[in-house]
Protein backbone atom coordinates (compact mmCIF):
# COMPACT_ATOMS: atom_id res chain seq x y z
CA MET A 1 141.92 97.87 118.59
CA LEU A 2 140.54 96.36 115.49
CA ASN A 3 143.05 96.17 112.54
CA VAL A 4 141.01 97.24 109.45
CA SER A 5 143.96 97.89 107.11
CA ARG A 6 143.62 96.59 103.55
CA ALA A 7 146.63 94.29 104.22
CA ASN A 8 144.75 92.54 106.91
CA ASN A 9 143.16 89.34 105.64
CA SER A 10 140.80 88.90 108.66
CA VAL A 11 137.13 88.38 107.85
CA PHE A 12 136.14 91.69 109.72
CA SER A 13 138.84 93.72 107.93
CA GLN A 14 137.80 92.44 104.45
CA TRP A 15 134.16 92.96 105.40
CA TRP A 16 134.98 96.59 106.32
CA TRP A 17 136.61 97.27 102.83
CA THR A 18 133.52 95.66 100.83
CA VAL A 19 130.50 96.64 102.61
CA ASP A 20 128.58 99.93 102.20
CA LEU A 21 129.59 101.71 105.38
CA VAL A 22 127.29 104.52 104.83
CA LEU A 23 124.38 102.25 104.52
CA VAL A 24 125.57 100.28 107.61
CA ALA A 25 125.85 103.68 109.62
CA SER A 26 122.38 104.57 108.47
CA ILE A 27 120.83 101.53 109.90
CA LEU A 28 122.78 101.78 113.18
CA LEU A 29 121.42 105.30 113.43
CA LEU A 30 117.82 104.11 112.97
CA ILE A 31 118.64 101.37 115.69
CA ALA A 32 119.91 104.08 118.08
CA THR A 33 116.89 106.46 117.26
CA GLY A 34 114.59 103.47 117.96
CA PHE A 35 116.21 103.08 121.37
CA VAL A 36 115.77 106.68 122.31
CA PHE A 37 112.21 106.59 121.29
CA SER A 38 111.57 103.49 123.18
CA MET A 39 112.79 105.30 126.31
CA ALA A 40 110.33 108.02 125.55
CA ALA A 41 107.25 106.12 124.65
CA SER A 42 107.29 102.72 126.44
CA PRO A 43 107.50 103.54 130.25
CA PRO A 44 103.67 104.68 130.47
CA VAL A 45 102.74 101.38 128.77
CA ALA A 46 104.78 99.30 131.12
CA ILE A 47 103.27 100.97 134.15
CA ARG A 48 99.75 100.40 132.80
CA LEU A 49 100.52 96.61 132.49
CA GLY A 50 101.90 96.39 135.91
CA LEU A 51 105.42 95.97 134.73
CA ASP A 52 108.67 97.75 135.59
CA GLU A 53 108.86 101.18 134.09
CA PHE A 54 111.71 100.41 131.92
CA HIS A 55 110.67 96.73 131.08
CA PHE A 56 110.28 97.50 127.35
CA VAL A 57 113.58 99.68 127.16
CA ALA A 58 115.46 96.75 128.94
CA ARG A 59 114.03 94.23 126.45
CA GLN A 60 114.81 96.46 123.53
CA ALA A 61 118.45 96.63 124.68
CA MET A 62 118.60 93.05 125.12
CA PHE A 63 117.35 92.10 121.60
CA MET A 64 119.82 94.82 120.10
CA VAL A 65 122.79 92.59 120.89
CA PRO A 66 121.58 89.37 118.80
CA ALA A 67 120.15 91.84 116.24
CA LEU A 68 123.57 93.34 115.39
CA ALA A 69 124.98 89.80 115.57
CA ILE A 70 122.52 88.66 112.94
CA MET A 71 123.09 91.69 110.83
CA PHE A 72 126.75 91.09 110.81
CA VAL A 73 126.78 87.47 110.02
CA ALA A 74 123.95 87.74 107.37
CA SER A 75 126.17 90.33 105.53
CA LEU A 76 128.96 87.80 105.32
CA LEU A 77 126.97 85.04 103.56
CA SER A 78 127.17 84.25 99.88
CA PRO A 79 123.95 84.21 97.96
CA LYS A 80 124.04 80.46 98.02
CA GLN A 81 124.36 80.56 101.68
CA MET A 82 121.52 82.99 102.07
CA ARG A 83 119.21 80.96 100.12
CA ARG A 84 119.84 77.71 102.23
CA ILE A 85 119.53 79.82 105.48
CA CYS A 86 116.29 81.20 104.22
CA LEU A 87 114.97 77.89 103.28
CA ALA A 88 115.56 76.72 106.77
CA VAL A 89 114.12 80.06 108.35
CA PHE A 90 111.01 79.99 106.21
CA VAL A 91 110.02 76.37 106.81
CA GLY A 92 110.67 76.85 110.61
CA ALA A 93 108.62 79.89 110.67
CA VAL A 94 105.76 78.41 108.63
CA LEU A 95 105.50 75.48 111.14
CA LEU A 96 105.34 77.94 114.06
CA MET A 97 102.72 80.03 112.21
CA VAL A 98 100.78 76.73 111.96
CA TYR A 99 101.38 75.89 115.61
CA SER A 100 100.26 79.52 116.52
CA LEU A 101 96.82 78.86 114.91
CA ILE A 102 96.31 75.78 117.21
CA ASN A 103 98.00 76.59 120.28
CA GLY A 104 99.28 80.14 119.92
CA VAL A 105 98.88 83.31 122.07
CA GLU A 106 95.76 85.25 121.29
CA ILE A 107 95.91 89.08 121.49
CA LYS A 108 93.05 91.28 120.16
CA GLY A 109 91.39 88.40 118.48
CA ALA A 110 94.50 87.49 116.38
CA ARG A 111 96.82 84.28 116.78
CA ARG A 112 100.12 85.53 115.68
CA TRP A 113 102.45 84.73 118.56
CA VAL A 114 104.09 81.88 120.17
CA ASP A 115 105.77 81.66 123.52
CA ILE A 116 109.22 79.94 123.40
CA PHE A 117 110.90 79.68 126.86
CA SER A 118 110.42 83.20 128.26
CA PHE A 119 110.11 84.97 125.02
CA ARG A 120 107.04 85.85 122.73
CA LEU A 121 107.85 85.66 119.08
CA GLN A 122 105.84 86.39 116.02
CA PRO A 123 106.94 83.80 113.53
CA SER A 124 105.59 85.79 110.43
CA GLU A 125 108.03 88.36 110.96
CA PHE A 126 110.94 86.00 110.47
CA ALA A 127 108.97 84.43 107.43
CA LYS A 128 108.94 87.66 105.54
CA PRO A 129 112.73 88.14 104.74
CA ALA A 130 113.00 84.35 104.01
CA PHE A 131 110.00 84.44 101.76
CA VAL A 132 111.52 87.47 99.67
CA VAL A 133 114.75 85.67 99.31
CA LEU A 134 113.28 82.46 98.20
CA ALA A 135 110.81 83.94 95.81
CA ALA A 136 113.69 85.98 94.37
CA TRP A 137 115.55 82.65 93.81
CA LEU A 138 112.70 81.05 92.09
CA PHE A 139 112.06 84.09 89.59
CA ALA A 140 115.71 83.95 88.99
CA GLU A 141 115.90 80.25 88.37
CA GLY A 142 112.70 80.49 86.10
CA ILE A 143 114.70 83.26 83.94
CA ARG A 144 117.89 81.10 83.85
CA ASN A 145 116.19 77.71 83.03
CA LYS A 146 113.21 78.16 80.94
CA GLU A 147 111.94 74.57 81.75
CA MET A 148 111.53 75.48 85.44
CA PRO A 149 108.25 77.20 86.20
CA GLY A 150 109.84 79.62 88.55
CA ALA A 151 107.13 82.34 88.57
CA ILE A 152 104.39 79.54 89.38
CA LEU A 153 106.28 78.14 92.16
CA ALA A 154 107.06 81.75 93.56
CA GLY A 155 103.19 82.17 93.29
CA GLY A 156 102.54 79.02 95.12
CA LEU A 157 104.97 80.16 97.76
CA MET A 158 103.10 83.33 98.11
CA ILE A 159 99.71 81.56 98.36
CA ILE A 160 101.04 79.32 101.22
CA PHE A 161 102.41 82.40 103.23
CA ALA A 162 99.35 84.72 102.55
CA THR A 163 96.76 81.83 103.48
CA LEU A 164 98.64 81.48 106.80
CA LEU A 165 98.55 85.20 107.30
CA ILE A 166 94.86 85.57 106.58
CA LEU A 167 93.98 82.80 108.94
CA GLN A 168 95.73 84.59 111.86
CA PRO A 169 94.28 87.13 110.64
CA ASP A 170 96.86 89.65 109.53
CA PHE A 171 95.72 91.39 106.41
CA GLY A 172 98.23 94.25 106.76
CA GLN A 173 101.15 91.74 106.49
CA THR A 174 99.27 90.05 103.66
CA LEU A 175 99.09 93.16 101.68
CA LEU A 176 102.73 93.93 102.33
CA ILE A 177 104.12 90.79 101.00
CA ALA A 178 101.67 90.66 98.13
CA ILE A 179 103.03 94.07 96.94
CA VAL A 180 106.62 93.08 97.58
CA TRP A 181 105.98 89.94 95.65
CA GLY A 182 104.47 91.93 92.84
CA ALA A 183 107.39 94.19 92.77
CA MET A 184 109.85 91.39 92.20
CA PHE A 185 107.44 89.69 89.76
CA PHE A 186 107.39 93.02 87.66
CA VAL A 187 111.22 93.42 87.87
CA ALA A 188 111.47 89.74 86.79
CA GLY A 189 109.90 91.04 83.43
CA MET A 190 106.99 88.87 83.58
CA PRO A 191 104.29 89.42 80.67
CA TRP A 192 102.16 92.46 81.42
CA ILE A 193 98.95 90.18 81.04
CA TRP A 194 99.99 88.25 84.11
CA ILE A 195 100.75 91.48 85.99
CA THR A 196 97.23 92.69 85.16
CA GLY A 197 95.72 89.57 86.11
CA PHE A 198 97.28 89.37 89.52
CA ALA A 199 96.29 93.08 89.99
CA ALA A 200 92.75 92.16 89.32
CA ILE A 201 92.95 89.06 91.62
CA GLY A 202 94.36 91.31 94.34
CA LEU A 203 91.41 93.88 93.91
CA VAL A 204 88.68 91.13 94.00
CA GLY A 205 90.36 89.66 97.11
CA PHE A 206 90.37 92.99 98.77
CA GLY A 207 86.64 93.39 97.86
CA VAL A 208 85.81 90.03 99.22
CA ALA A 209 87.65 90.93 102.48
CA TYR A 210 85.72 94.02 102.83
CA LEU A 211 82.42 92.49 102.14
CA PHE A 212 82.69 89.29 104.24
CA LEU A 213 85.16 90.05 106.98
CA PRO A 214 83.82 92.24 109.77
CA HIS A 215 87.37 93.19 111.05
CA VAL A 216 88.32 94.59 107.61
CA THR A 217 85.01 96.17 106.85
CA ASP A 218 85.08 97.92 110.42
CA ARG A 219 88.64 99.44 109.96
CA ILE A 220 87.94 100.55 106.43
CA ASP A 221 84.50 102.19 107.39
CA ARG A 222 86.12 103.77 110.37
CA PHE A 223 88.74 105.37 108.01
CA LEU A 224 86.18 106.60 105.47
CA VAL A 225 83.48 107.58 108.08
CA PRO A 226 85.23 108.32 111.27
CA GLY A 227 81.98 108.54 113.16
CA THR A 228 81.05 104.84 112.50
CA GLY A 229 83.45 103.40 115.11
CA ASP A 230 86.04 103.99 117.71
CA THR A 231 88.87 106.06 116.21
CA PHE A 232 90.55 106.98 119.37
CA GLN A 233 94.01 105.70 118.68
CA VAL A 234 94.32 107.38 115.36
CA ASP A 235 92.81 110.58 116.41
CA THR A 236 95.10 110.72 119.40
CA ALA A 237 98.10 109.89 117.26
CA LEU A 238 97.12 112.68 114.69
CA SER A 239 96.66 115.29 117.39
CA SER A 240 100.20 114.58 118.77
CA PHE A 241 101.57 116.25 115.55
CA LEU A 242 99.50 119.06 116.19
CA ARG A 243 100.56 119.51 119.97
CA GLY A 244 104.32 118.85 119.06
CA GLY A 245 104.63 121.38 116.42
CA TRP A 246 107.92 121.81 114.82
CA PHE A 247 110.22 121.37 117.69
CA GLY A 248 108.19 119.25 120.22
CA ARG A 249 107.22 119.65 123.73
CA GLY A 250 110.53 118.07 125.00
CA PRO A 251 111.50 114.42 125.94
CA GLY A 252 109.06 112.93 128.44
CA GLU A 253 106.56 115.84 128.06
CA GLY A 254 104.10 114.07 125.79
CA VAL A 255 100.55 113.28 126.77
CA ALA A 256 99.62 110.76 124.01
CA LYS A 257 101.79 107.93 125.17
CA ARG A 258 99.83 107.94 128.52
CA SER A 259 96.59 107.02 126.78
CA LEU A 260 97.61 105.16 123.50
CA PRO A 261 97.74 101.35 124.17
CA ASP A 262 100.31 100.78 121.49
CA SER A 263 102.50 103.97 121.80
CA HIS A 264 105.74 101.96 121.97
CA THR A 265 104.99 99.98 118.79
CA ASP A 266 102.34 101.07 116.24
CA PHE A 267 102.29 104.69 117.25
CA VAL A 268 105.89 105.42 118.26
CA PHE A 269 106.05 107.81 115.25
CA ALA A 270 103.29 110.06 116.73
CA VAL A 271 104.90 109.98 120.06
CA ALA A 272 108.22 111.08 118.61
CA ALA A 273 106.26 113.82 116.96
CA GLU A 274 104.86 115.25 120.12
CA GLU A 275 108.03 115.12 122.05
CA PHE A 276 110.79 115.74 119.52
CA GLY A 277 108.73 117.79 116.94
CA ILE A 278 107.89 117.43 113.15
CA ILE A 279 111.43 118.38 112.19
CA ILE A 280 112.87 115.20 113.77
CA CYS A 281 109.98 113.26 112.17
CA LEU A 282 110.85 114.69 108.64
CA LEU A 283 114.55 113.75 109.15
CA LEU A 284 113.54 110.17 110.09
CA VAL A 285 111.50 110.04 106.76
CA ALA A 286 114.58 111.51 104.92
CA LEU A 287 116.71 108.76 106.55
CA PHE A 288 114.40 105.89 105.45
CA ALA A 289 114.16 107.44 101.96
CA PHE A 290 117.88 107.74 101.74
CA ILE A 291 118.50 104.05 102.72
CA VAL A 292 115.83 102.85 100.11
CA LEU A 293 117.41 104.92 97.39
CA ARG A 294 120.88 104.18 98.15
CA VAL A 295 120.19 100.46 97.80
CA LEU A 296 118.35 100.76 94.57
CA ILE A 297 121.07 102.89 93.21
CA ARG A 298 123.73 100.29 94.22
CA VAL A 299 121.90 97.42 92.82
CA PHE A 300 121.07 99.16 89.56
CA GLY A 301 122.78 97.55 86.63
CA GLU A 302 123.50 94.38 88.74
CA GLU A 303 123.84 91.37 86.17
CA ASP A 304 122.90 88.57 88.66
CA ASP A 305 119.07 88.08 88.56
CA PHE A 306 119.01 86.55 92.16
CA THR A 307 120.96 89.38 93.57
CA ARG A 308 118.89 92.12 91.81
CA PHE A 309 115.39 90.45 92.71
CA ALA A 310 116.26 89.85 96.35
CA THR A 311 117.85 93.08 97.09
CA ILE A 312 114.85 94.99 95.49
CA GLY A 313 112.44 92.73 97.31
CA LEU A 314 113.99 93.20 100.79
CA ILE A 315 114.45 96.95 100.49
CA THR A 316 110.85 97.21 99.24
CA MET A 317 109.64 95.49 102.24
CA PHE A 318 111.75 97.64 104.37
CA GLY A 319 110.57 100.91 102.79
CA LEU A 320 106.90 99.93 102.40
CA GLN A 321 106.55 98.83 106.01
CA ALA A 322 107.93 102.11 107.19
CA LEU A 323 105.60 104.06 104.85
CA ILE A 324 102.54 102.05 106.05
CA ASN A 325 103.32 102.68 109.42
CA MET A 326 103.79 106.44 109.15
CA ALA A 327 100.79 106.66 107.06
CA VAL A 328 98.59 105.10 109.60
CA ASN A 329 100.08 107.55 112.26
CA LEU A 330 98.85 110.44 109.97
CA GLN A 331 95.44 108.96 109.42
CA LEU A 332 96.23 108.71 105.71
CA ILE A 333 95.33 105.09 105.36
CA PRO A 334 93.12 102.62 107.54
CA ALA A 335 94.63 101.64 110.90
CA LYS A 336 96.96 98.66 110.82
CA GLY A 337 99.20 97.22 113.40
CA MET A 338 102.59 97.34 111.68
CA THR A 339 105.83 98.12 113.26
CA LEU A 340 108.21 100.91 112.10
CA PRO A 341 111.50 99.21 111.16
CA PHE A 342 114.08 99.43 113.79
CA ILE A 343 112.09 102.16 115.60
CA SER A 344 109.10 100.52 117.17
CA SER A 345 109.73 98.19 120.23
CA GLY A 346 109.57 94.55 119.51
CA GLY A 347 112.04 91.75 119.43
CA SER A 348 110.67 89.78 116.47
CA SER A 349 110.46 92.89 114.19
CA LEU A 350 113.91 93.99 115.32
CA LEU A 351 115.58 90.52 114.61
CA SER A 352 113.85 89.91 111.36
CA MET A 353 114.53 93.46 109.99
CA SER A 354 118.23 92.84 111.16
CA LEU A 355 118.32 89.50 109.04
CA ALA A 356 116.85 91.40 106.09
CA MET A 357 119.10 94.46 106.04
CA GLY A 358 122.13 92.11 106.82
CA MET A 359 121.44 90.23 103.67
CA VAL A 360 121.12 93.50 101.88
CA PHE A 361 124.52 94.53 103.10
CA GLY A 362 125.94 91.18 101.73
CA LEU A 363 124.10 91.39 98.49
CA THR A 364 125.36 95.04 97.88
CA ARG A 365 129.01 94.35 99.03
CA ARG A 366 131.76 95.37 96.56
CA ASN A 367 134.28 92.74 95.86
CA ARG A 368 131.57 90.17 96.62
CA ASP A 369 132.16 86.67 95.13
CA MET A 370 128.98 84.53 94.22
CA ALA A 371 130.79 81.50 95.56
CA GLY A 372 132.25 82.73 98.74
CA LEU A 373 132.83 85.19 101.50
CA ILE A 374 135.58 87.48 99.74
CA SER A 375 136.63 88.28 96.18
CA LEU A 376 138.77 90.66 94.62
CA LYS A 377 136.28 91.50 91.75
CA PRO A 378 134.49 94.70 92.12
CA VAL A 379 130.80 94.40 91.46
CA PHE A 380 129.01 97.73 91.92
CA ALA A 381 129.56 100.78 89.70
CA ARG A 382 130.23 104.16 91.16
CA ASN A 383 127.05 105.88 92.09
CA LEU A 384 125.66 109.21 93.18
CA PHE A 385 126.01 108.34 96.80
CA GLY A 386 129.73 107.61 96.78
CA ALA A 387 131.84 104.66 97.61
CA GLY A 388 131.45 102.54 94.36
CA ALA A 389 133.93 100.93 92.08
CA ARG A 390 133.90 100.13 88.45
CA ARG A 391 133.20 96.63 87.45
CA ILE A 392 136.00 94.72 86.14
CA ARG A 393 135.19 92.48 83.34
C-alpha cells in the first residue's frame, strides 16, 4: 500500500500533497467516461472496417496506460524542464508534419498521419501543447527582457505551425491554435493596436480561405444552406439528441453509430446523447466547464508570467477543443473533424492531451519550486473550489 503521509519524502507522496487532487480526479473521470463511450460507439465502426468488434476499445485501453504515465511524469516537471521537453517535442512533431506532407498517410484528402511501426500517429496533436508552452515562454521572456522580441518570435512560431497545418490541410486546428495564441497574446498585455491588427489578419485569412479553397467553401456553404451539399453526418448527429431524449435509449441501443463513419471520434458526443441521454451530456459539459474554471481560478494572481501564460494557453486549448467538438455535434458551427478531449477514441489525441493536462497539474501544484520538483513554499491562494493555501512571502 502506498504511503502518502506528509512525513514521507517520496516523490509520489510529495506529489500527492501538492497537486490539485480534485482536478486530477476530474480528468480521470473524463478518461473513464471516454472508455465507456468508446465501448458504446466504436464496435459498429470496427465491424464496418472488417476489424475485430472491440478493436478500437482495446486500442483505447492500450493507450490509456502510457497516457496516465505521461500525465504523471509531466506533472512532476519544473517549468524549466517543461520548456526543454516541449522544445524537443515541437521540433520532432514539426519534422514529422513535414514528412507527412511528403510521405504520410492520406485520409479523406488530408495528409496528417504517419505510420510508426504498427501505430498511426498525428504529429500535429503533439505539436499543440508544445507550441503553447514555447509561445508562453517567448511572451514571458519578452516581458522580462525588453530587448528580446518575444511577441514577434511567438508570432513567427505560430506562422510556422499554422502553415504546416494549412498545407495538410487542417483549418480547424489552425483556427484553434490561432485563438489560443491570441488568448496568450491578450493576457501578455500586448498593445490593443496589435490585437486589432492580428484579428483583422485572421478575418482576411478566413475570407481568402472561403473564396479560394473549395474544401472550406463547401463546409461553410453546407452549414449556411444545408441543401447545397451532403449533410448526412451532422443531420444524423443532431437527430441523435432528439431520439435519445433526456434519459437515452440505453447502452447499445443507439442507431446513429451504425451509419456514422466517425461515431467513435468526431461524433461520440452524439452517440452518448442517444444512448445515455441529454442529462449525461449536460453533466459532461459541466465537467469540462468545471475543469476550465478551476484551473483559471487557481492560476489567478500567479506572479510568474510563464506559469500564467502557459496554464491559460493549455486550458484554453483544452476547453476550446471540447467546445468546438460539441458545437459541431449540435450543428451550431460548420463541420470540423476535431476530437473531444479524453472522450473520443484516438491514441494521438489521448497522449497529447495527457501531456497538456499533466503540465497543467505541474504548473498549478502548491509548494511548487521554479527550480525543482519539490518546495515548501505554497504558491496558490485559497480559492472558491477549495484546497488552496495562502502565499507565503
